[in-house]
Each structure stands twice: as C-alpha cells, then as structure tokens.
Amino acid sequence: MIFGHRLRLEKLRVELKKRSLASLIVTSETNVRYLSGFKGGDSLIIITPDSQFFLTDSRYTEEAGDSVKGFTVVEVTTSTYDCLSEIIKKNRIKKIGFESLNLPYEIARRLAGCIRPAKLIPTKNIIENLRAVKDPAEITAIKRSADVTIDVLKKVVGKVRPGIPERSISDSIECEFIKRGARIAFDTITAHGRNCSKPHAHATEECIANNDVVMLDMGCKIGLYNSDITRMVFIGKVKNKIKEIYNIVSAAQNTAIEKIKPGVKISDIDLAGRGYIARKGYGKFFGHSLGHGIGMDVHEEPSISKRNDNILKSGMVFTVEPAIYLPKLGGVRIEDMVLVTDKGYEILTR
C-alpha cells in the first residue's frame, strides 16, 4: 500500500527550509519506512536539495529497487561514511541535518569528520512531528488494527475466569492476533488484583481469583500500524474502592475526550482528565501522561501531556488513558484510541 510518500517528502522539505536546512540524513528505521515505504532494515536516507538517496547493503538492494520509489538506491559496498561523504561532496552540501535523538554520539562524531568541510547539524522530531498527522490511508490502516484488537478482546474476555493464570490470558491474546494475521504491538499486560496498581505489570503465573478485577492492556500491529487499548474486567463482586475509582477514571476519560477538537491545546486535554481525578481526591495516584500518539510506533507524537502546549490537528490519532493506581490495593486504567476529525473526534476502539 502506498501512503503518499512523495507528498511526505515535499512536507519534509518545507520543514527543513524553516530550519535553514536543505539536506537531512534520516537514520531512524521508522522514519525511513515512513518516507520510503521500505520494510527491511539496515538502511538510511539522505535528502539533498534536488533529490533523495536510499542507502543499504547487498542484502536489501534488490528489495529496495522493487519497493522504494522516487529514490536513487545506493548499495553500500565498503563504508556508509564513504558513501555519505561522496554524496555530500558531489551535491556541494554545506550543512546537513541529522536525527540527534537516533544517531549515537560516536557515529555522529566520526561522520562529522568524514564530511568536512560540510557541517553536521543536530535536529530532532522533524519527521516525528509530520507523522503526528495521519493521512487517509494511514487512518484506514490504524482503524483496521483497532478493529482487530477489539475483536480479539471480545474473544478473550470469556477466558478471563478464576483459576486461570495471568500469563495464559496474555498468551491467548497473542495467539488470537496471529490467527488474524497480526502480531502483538507490545508485551500484553494482564494483571489482576493488587498487580493492577503497577502501570506496566508483567504477566505472571498467578491465577485469577473469585471476586477479582483484571487489567488487560493490549494492542496489535498489522502491516506498519499499531493499536493500543486497556480494559478492566470484573469477576464477581469486587471491592467497593475499586468500583469507586473505576467510575472516577471513566468519567475523567469522558471529560477529556469531550474537549477534543482541532485548535485545542493538547495540555488542556490532559488537564481536563487529570483535573477531574484530582478533584475527586486521587490526583497523586495518577502519575503518567493522559495519552500518547499511536501509528507506526506504539508511542509517538503527539504526547498528551500537561507540558505539551501544541494544538490538536485533524488527523492526529492518540490514546486517552486516565488511571488511578493505589499501591498494595489495585488500580484502574481505561484506554481508548481517538482520531481528531475536522469537527471534533472519533473514538476508534468502542
């Protein structure tokens, strides 16, 4: 499936121009895939003012030749440094950006020496910010991933019963994804009882008990795109305190989601959900951000955080996952994926 890679390159060049850059070395595997559609590994992209080059070794050159369109494919036979240096000198590039959050210091240092007199300029999140706004094909792919996750959830909930180990449920979820042509997007979180107070609990051999509560945090990857949801499953008569915080978390999520529309500050979404929980007296028991962008990576831009004052844009997809964690007692998290639309929002996981 082609996701408008030419348009993505055009948008990238606009962003580079804003930073007084005409060239960029792209080393993040996800960003390479985003710009080129290549699904292999060990590759990088170099953007020049007039063209773009895709560098890989002999293991992937044939695949790149078949799948990567709009790039000059260059086979690295000796040294990546030499290939980059030759391209930079041939195109008379005076300064070139690189992904400073992705390229290790020692490699960046050595590369800077190889390309002199051209200057290596650190950049961050240029492509990640472009990826935050999904195009129609990406939205279709994300919806498909979300639909499969909901389908698997419905299938597995019936297996959540007393006497079943946490790990068995996680394994069942993975098997159901595989049956549907998907794979887990991350290690499934299956936690019960007191374990629910651990936001990223690891599934154990502990068995679910009568009158228990179970947290399921699950998602799948189909093709290049991910999903992520969290649900609480009640078995029998659970503690009144758990019921109380469940209702608070649910209301907090609804409060936050209702504020979602283009032009709203992202921090306002976080503060809406967080503020509701705080007003109910549980603010100190909700420590993480309200949500995260999701797409080619499970966690990507935009971060739905009280520190993010960027505005929402139509096409953004992210989770809304307020929570309350009570140490030694348990916890509740409810997570849904939301798409920002032209007029408001669409919940993808209900």
Protein backbone atom coordinates (compact mmCIF):
# COMPACT_ATOMS: atom_id res chain seq x y z
CA MET A 1 0.00 0.00 0.00
CA ILE A 2 1.39 3.44 -0.94
CA PHE A 3 0.91 6.16 1.67
CA GLY A 4 1.72 9.27 -0.36
CA HIS A 5 5.49 9.16 0.09
CA ARG A 6 6.09 11.93 -2.45
CA LEU A 7 3.85 14.28 -0.50
CA ARG A 8 5.67 13.37 2.70
CA LEU A 9 8.99 14.32 1.13
CA GLU A 10 7.54 17.64 -0.01
CA LYS A 11 6.31 18.38 3.52
CA LEU A 12 9.69 17.42 4.94
CA ARG A 13 11.49 19.83 2.64
CA VAL A 14 9.16 22.62 3.78
CA GLU A 15 10.07 21.87 7.40
CA LEU A 16 13.77 21.73 6.58
CA LYS A 17 13.56 25.12 4.89
CA LYS A 18 12.08 26.59 8.09
CA ARG A 19 15.27 25.47 9.84
CA SER A 20 17.52 26.87 7.09
CA LEU A 21 18.41 23.34 6.03
CA ALA A 22 18.18 21.81 2.57
CA SER A 23 19.58 18.41 3.47
CA LEU A 24 18.98 15.73 6.11
CA ILE A 25 20.31 12.29 6.99
CA VAL A 26 17.48 10.01 8.18
CA THR A 27 18.60 7.05 10.30
CA SER A 28 15.51 6.17 12.35
CA GLU A 29 14.18 2.89 10.93
CA THR A 30 10.59 4.03 11.41
CA ASN A 31 11.24 7.36 9.69
CA VAL A 32 13.00 5.61 6.79
CA ARG A 33 9.90 3.46 6.35
CA TYR A 34 7.60 6.47 6.64
CA LEU A 35 9.39 8.33 3.86
CA SER A 36 10.16 5.41 1.54
CA GLY A 37 7.81 2.52 2.32
CA PHE A 38 10.80 0.19 2.73
CA LYS A 39 10.12 -2.66 5.17
CA GLY A 40 13.64 -4.03 5.52
CA GLY A 41 16.42 -2.94 7.86
CA ASP A 42 19.95 -1.56 7.82
CA SER A 43 19.20 1.43 5.64
CA LEU A 44 19.22 5.19 5.75
CA ILE A 45 18.08 8.10 3.64
CA ILE A 46 19.89 11.28 2.68
CA ILE A 47 17.81 14.20 1.42
CA THR A 48 19.61 16.72 -0.79
CA PRO A 49 18.21 19.96 -2.23
CA ASP A 50 17.26 18.33 -5.53
CA SER A 51 16.99 14.59 -4.86
CA GLN A 52 16.96 11.82 -2.30
CA PHE A 53 19.14 8.75 -1.88
CA PHE A 54 18.37 5.43 -0.23
CA LEU A 55 21.46 3.67 1.15
CA THR A 56 21.56 -0.01 2.06
CA ASP A 57 23.80 -3.04 1.61
CA SER A 58 23.67 -6.00 -0.77
CA ARG A 59 21.16 -7.89 1.40
CA TYR A 60 18.46 -5.34 0.65
CA THR A 61 19.32 -3.65 -2.64
CA GLU A 62 17.03 -5.85 -4.74
CA GLU A 63 14.13 -5.40 -2.33
CA ALA A 64 14.78 -1.65 -2.21
CA GLY A 65 14.86 -1.50 -6.00
CA ASP A 66 11.44 -3.14 -6.15
CA SER A 67 9.73 -1.24 -3.33
CA VAL A 68 11.38 2.14 -2.90
CA LYS A 69 10.12 4.63 -5.49
CA GLY A 70 11.39 8.15 -6.05
CA PHE A 71 14.82 7.46 -4.53
CA THR A 72 18.19 6.69 -6.01
CA VAL A 73 19.14 3.37 -4.42
CA VAL A 74 22.82 3.23 -3.48
CA GLU A 75 24.47 -0.03 -2.48
CA VAL A 76 26.99 0.39 0.32
CA THR A 77 29.91 -1.86 -0.59
CA THR A 78 32.62 -0.67 1.80
CA SER A 79 31.67 2.13 4.20
CA THR A 80 28.48 4.06 4.85
CA TYR A 81 30.64 7.02 5.86
CA ASP A 82 32.35 6.99 2.46
CA CYS A 83 29.01 6.80 0.62
CA LEU A 84 27.57 9.72 2.57
CA SER A 85 30.74 11.75 2.15
CA GLU A 86 30.72 11.20 -1.60
CA ILE A 87 27.05 12.22 -1.96
CA ILE A 88 27.52 15.30 0.22
CA LYS A 89 30.60 16.46 -1.69
CA LYS A 90 29.11 15.71 -5.11
CA ASN A 91 25.99 17.73 -4.27
CA ARG A 92 28.06 20.54 -2.74
CA ILE A 93 26.15 20.42 0.53
CA LYS A 94 27.47 22.92 3.08
CA LYS A 95 25.44 21.79 6.06
CA ILE A 96 23.28 18.76 6.64
CA GLY A 97 20.94 17.85 9.48
CA PHE A 98 20.88 14.53 11.29
CA GLU A 99 18.47 12.90 13.75
CA SER A 100 20.25 13.64 17.01
CA LEU A 101 17.86 11.51 19.09
CA ASN A 102 18.64 8.48 16.95
CA LEU A 103 22.27 8.64 15.90
CA PRO A 104 24.78 7.60 18.61
CA TYR A 105 27.33 10.23 19.61
CA GLU A 106 30.38 8.30 18.41
CA ILE A 107 28.87 7.69 14.97
CA ALA A 108 27.84 11.34 14.64
CA ARG A 109 31.34 12.43 15.68
CA ARG A 110 33.00 10.19 13.12
CA LEU A 111 30.55 11.23 10.40
CA ALA A 112 31.21 14.89 11.08
CA GLY A 113 34.89 14.27 10.48
CA CYS A 114 34.26 12.41 7.21
CA ILE A 115 32.12 15.10 5.59
CA ARG A 116 34.23 18.18 6.31
CA PRO A 117 34.04 21.00 5.33
CA ALA A 118 30.27 20.35 5.38
CA LYS A 119 28.77 20.86 8.83
CA LEU A 120 26.62 18.29 10.60
CA ILE A 121 23.63 19.97 12.29
CA PRO A 122 21.63 18.18 15.06
CA THR A 123 17.86 18.15 14.62
CA LYS A 124 15.07 16.41 16.47
CA ASN A 125 11.46 15.41 15.86
CA ILE A 126 11.16 16.94 12.38
CA ILE A 127 9.75 13.77 10.83
CA GLU A 128 8.08 12.66 14.06
CA ASN A 129 6.02 15.85 14.06
CA LEU A 130 5.00 15.22 10.45
CA ARG A 131 3.97 11.68 11.39
CA ALA A 132 1.69 13.04 14.12
CA VAL A 133 -0.90 13.97 11.48
CA LYS A 134 -2.06 10.86 9.64
CA ASP A 135 -3.15 10.77 6.01
CA PRO A 136 -6.35 8.93 4.98
CA ALA A 137 -4.53 5.69 4.12
CA GLU A 138 -2.80 5.67 7.49
CA ILE A 139 -6.09 6.26 9.28
CA THR A 140 -7.62 3.31 7.43
CA ALA A 141 -4.69 1.11 8.49
CA ILE A 142 -4.92 2.23 12.12
CA LYS A 143 -8.68 1.60 12.18
CA ARG A 144 -8.10 -1.91 10.88
CA SER A 145 -5.59 -2.58 13.66
CA ALA A 146 -8.01 -1.19 16.26
CA ASP A 147 -10.88 -3.31 14.92
CA VAL A 148 -8.79 -6.48 15.17
CA THR A 149 -7.84 -5.63 18.75
CA ILE A 150 -11.46 -5.12 19.75
CA ASP A 151 -12.38 -8.41 18.07
CA VAL A 152 -9.66 -10.26 19.99
CA LEU A 153 -10.69 -8.57 23.23
CA LYS A 154 -14.25 -9.84 22.85
CA LYS A 155 -12.93 -13.33 22.13
CA VAL A 156 -10.59 -13.43 25.12
CA VAL A 157 -12.79 -11.85 27.78
CA GLY A 158 -14.70 -15.12 28.03
CA LYS A 159 -11.47 -16.85 29.09
CA VAL A 160 -10.91 -14.48 32.00
CA ARG A 161 -12.16 -16.53 34.94
CA PRO A 162 -11.00 -17.78 38.32
CA GLY A 163 -8.14 -20.27 38.26
CA ILE A 164 -6.61 -19.02 35.00
CA PRO A 165 -3.02 -17.65 35.22
CA GLU A 166 -2.31 -14.13 34.00
CA ARG A 167 0.27 -15.44 31.55
CA SER A 168 -2.23 -17.83 29.98
CA ILE A 169 -4.50 -14.92 29.09
CA SER A 170 -1.62 -12.95 27.58
CA ASP A 171 -0.65 -16.00 25.53
CA SER A 172 -4.23 -16.41 24.32
CA ILE A 173 -4.32 -12.80 23.17
CA GLU A 174 -1.11 -13.26 21.19
CA CYS A 175 -2.47 -16.44 19.55
CA GLU A 176 -5.71 -14.72 18.57
CA PHE A 177 -3.78 -11.87 16.95
CA ILE A 178 -1.69 -14.33 14.95
CA LYS A 179 -4.85 -16.08 13.73
CA ARG A 180 -5.98 -12.74 12.31
CA GLY A 181 -2.73 -12.00 10.51
CA ALA A 182 -1.48 -9.61 13.16
CA ARG A 183 1.15 -9.66 15.89
CA ILE A 184 1.34 -8.09 19.32
CA ALA A 185 2.34 -4.45 19.23
CA PHE A 186 3.91 -4.75 22.70
CA ASP A 187 4.01 -7.26 25.55
CA THR A 188 0.40 -7.68 26.64
CA ILE A 189 -0.30 -6.56 30.18
CA THR A 190 -2.53 -8.96 32.08
CA ALA A 191 -2.71 -8.05 35.75
CA HIS A 192 -5.18 -8.96 38.47
CA GLY A 193 -5.97 -7.73 41.95
CA ARG A 194 -3.08 -5.90 43.61
CA ASN A 195 -0.98 -6.21 40.45
CA CYS A 196 -3.28 -3.65 38.78
CA SER A 197 -1.55 -0.90 40.78
CA LYS A 198 1.55 -1.44 38.59
CA PRO A 199 1.07 0.53 35.34
CA HIS A 200 3.32 -1.83 33.34
CA ALA A 201 2.85 -5.05 35.27
CA HIS A 202 4.33 -8.22 33.76
CA ALA A 203 2.02 -11.21 33.36
CA THR A 204 2.84 -13.92 35.91
CA GLU A 205 1.76 -17.45 36.73
CA GLU A 206 -0.53 -16.09 39.45
CA CYS A 207 -4.12 -17.21 38.98
CA ILE A 208 -7.17 -15.00 38.87
CA ALA A 209 -9.39 -15.39 41.91
CA ASN A 210 -13.07 -15.08 42.70
CA ASN A 211 -14.32 -11.51 43.13
CA ASP A 212 -11.26 -10.24 41.28
CA VAL A 213 -10.50 -7.43 38.87
CA VAL A 214 -8.28 -7.91 35.81
CA MET A 215 -6.50 -5.26 33.73
CA LEU A 216 -5.94 -6.06 30.04
CA ASP A 217 -3.66 -3.69 28.12
CA MET A 218 -3.30 -4.99 24.58
CA GLY A 219 -2.68 -3.99 21.00
CA CYS A 220 -1.65 -5.40 17.67
CA LYS A 221 0.38 -4.44 14.65
CA ILE A 222 -0.92 -5.09 11.15
CA GLY A 223 1.44 -4.11 8.39
CA LEU A 224 3.09 -0.95 9.69
CA TYR A 225 0.40 0.33 12.07
CA ASN A 226 -0.44 -0.31 15.71
CA SER A 227 -3.33 -0.24 18.16
CA ASP A 228 -3.46 0.04 21.96
CA ILE A 229 -6.36 -0.30 24.41
CA THR A 230 -6.86 -1.06 28.10
CA ARG A 231 -9.93 -2.60 29.68
CA MET A 232 -10.85 -3.68 33.19
CA VAL A 233 -12.69 -6.97 33.65
CA PHE A 234 -14.67 -7.51 36.85
CA ILE A 235 -15.22 -11.05 38.11
CA GLY A 236 -17.90 -11.50 40.75
CA LYS A 237 -18.20 -8.89 43.49
CA VAL A 238 -15.18 -6.60 43.53
CA LYS A 239 -14.14 -4.20 46.29
CA ASN A 240 -16.17 -1.01 46.62
CA LYS A 241 -12.98 1.07 46.44
CA ILE A 242 -12.17 -0.42 43.02
CA LYS A 243 -15.70 0.33 41.82
CA GLU A 244 -15.32 3.89 43.07
CA ILE A 245 -12.08 4.59 41.25
CA TYR A 246 -13.36 2.84 38.12
CA ASN A 247 -16.27 5.28 37.93
CA ILE A 248 -13.92 8.22 38.51
CA VAL A 249 -11.49 7.09 35.80
CA SER A 250 -14.35 6.51 33.35
CA ALA A 251 -15.77 9.98 33.99
CA ALA A 252 -12.30 11.52 33.69
CA GLN A 253 -11.81 9.88 30.31
CA ASN A 254 -15.17 11.14 29.05
CA THR A 255 -14.37 14.64 30.32
CA ALA A 256 -11.07 14.69 28.45
CA ILE A 257 -12.44 13.22 25.22
CA GLU A 258 -15.27 15.74 25.08
CA LYS A 259 -12.70 18.55 24.78
CA ILE A 260 -11.03 17.07 21.72
CA LYS A 261 -11.27 19.10 18.52
CA PRO A 262 -8.85 20.89 16.18
CA GLY A 263 -7.28 24.01 17.66
CA VAL A 264 -7.47 22.93 21.30
CA LYS A 265 -4.21 22.96 23.26
CA ILE A 266 -3.04 19.42 23.94
CA SER A 267 -2.23 20.32 27.54
CA ASP A 268 -5.89 21.23 28.05
CA ILE A 269 -6.91 17.66 27.20
CA ASP A 270 -4.52 16.26 29.79
CA LEU A 271 -5.58 18.79 32.39
CA ALA A 272 -9.26 18.02 31.84
CA GLY A 273 -8.86 14.36 32.71
CA ARG A 274 -6.21 14.93 35.36
CA GLY A 275 -8.19 17.74 36.95
CA TYR A 276 -11.27 15.57 37.32
CA ILE A 277 -9.28 12.87 39.10
CA ALA A 278 -7.64 15.48 41.34
CA ARG A 279 -10.98 16.98 42.32
CA LYS A 280 -12.09 13.53 43.45
CA GLY A 281 -9.07 13.32 45.75
CA TYR A 282 -6.91 10.90 43.76
CA GLY A 283 -4.58 13.26 41.90
CA LYS A 284 -1.38 11.89 43.45
CA PHE A 285 -2.30 8.39 42.26
CA PHE A 286 -2.21 9.33 38.55
CA GLY A 287 1.38 9.96 37.57
CA HIS A 288 1.77 9.40 33.82
CA SER A 289 0.59 11.44 30.85
CA LEU A 290 -3.02 11.18 29.77
CA GLY A 291 -2.08 9.55 26.47
CA HIS A 292 0.28 9.19 23.54
CA GLY A 293 0.19 9.29 19.79
CA ILE A 294 -0.01 5.96 18.03
CA GLY A 295 0.72 4.90 14.47
CA MET A 296 3.86 3.28 13.10
CA ASP A 297 5.17 3.30 16.67
CA VAL A 298 3.07 2.44 19.71
CA HIS A 299 4.30 5.62 21.40
CA GLU A 300 4.83 8.60 19.12
CA GLU A 301 3.81 12.23 18.73
CA PRO A 302 1.70 13.85 19.98
CA SER A 303 2.28 13.27 23.67
CA ILE A 304 -0.95 14.07 25.50
CA SER A 305 0.77 15.78 28.38
CA LYS A 306 0.22 18.78 30.61
CA ARG A 307 3.56 20.07 29.28
CA ASN A 308 2.57 19.95 25.60
CA ASP A 309 1.07 23.28 24.52
CA ASN A 310 0.89 22.41 20.82
CA ILE A 311 -2.58 22.37 19.33
CA LEU A 312 -4.62 19.44 18.11
CA LYS A 313 -4.88 18.97 14.35
CA SER A 314 -7.31 16.96 12.29
CA GLY A 315 -5.74 13.59 11.51
CA MET A 316 -3.98 13.11 14.83
CA VAL A 317 -4.52 9.72 16.47
CA PHE A 318 -3.73 9.17 20.13
CA THR A 319 -4.81 7.32 23.25
CA VAL A 320 -6.72 8.75 26.18
CA GLU A 321 -5.87 6.64 29.22
CA PRO A 322 -6.52 8.18 32.64
CA ALA A 323 -5.80 5.94 35.60
CA ILE A 324 -5.71 5.64 39.37
CA TYR A 325 -3.16 3.32 40.96
CA LEU A 326 -3.47 2.51 44.66
CA PRO A 327 -0.32 0.72 45.89
CA LYS A 328 -0.93 -2.66 47.54
CA LEU A 329 -4.66 -2.45 46.73
CA GLY A 330 -5.06 -2.29 42.95
CA GLY A 331 -5.77 0.14 40.18
CA VAL A 332 -7.86 1.09 37.19
CA ARG A 333 -6.85 2.31 33.74
CA ILE A 334 -9.22 2.80 30.81
CA GLU A 335 -7.64 3.44 27.43
CA ASP A 336 -9.18 4.22 24.06
CA MET A 337 -7.80 5.42 20.75
CA VAL A 338 -9.18 8.69 19.42
CA LEU A 339 -8.96 10.31 15.98
CA VAL A 340 -9.19 14.10 15.70
CA THR A 341 -11.63 14.95 12.92
CA ASP A 342 -12.40 18.26 11.21
CA LYS A 343 -15.25 18.97 13.63
CA GLY A 344 -14.29 17.00 16.72
CA TYR A 345 -13.29 13.43 17.33
CA GLU A 346 -13.98 9.77 16.58
CA ILE A 347 -13.33 7.05 19.11
CA LEU A 348 -11.73 4.14 17.27
CA THR A 349 -11.96 1.49 19.99
CA ARG A 350 -15.60 1.45 21.03
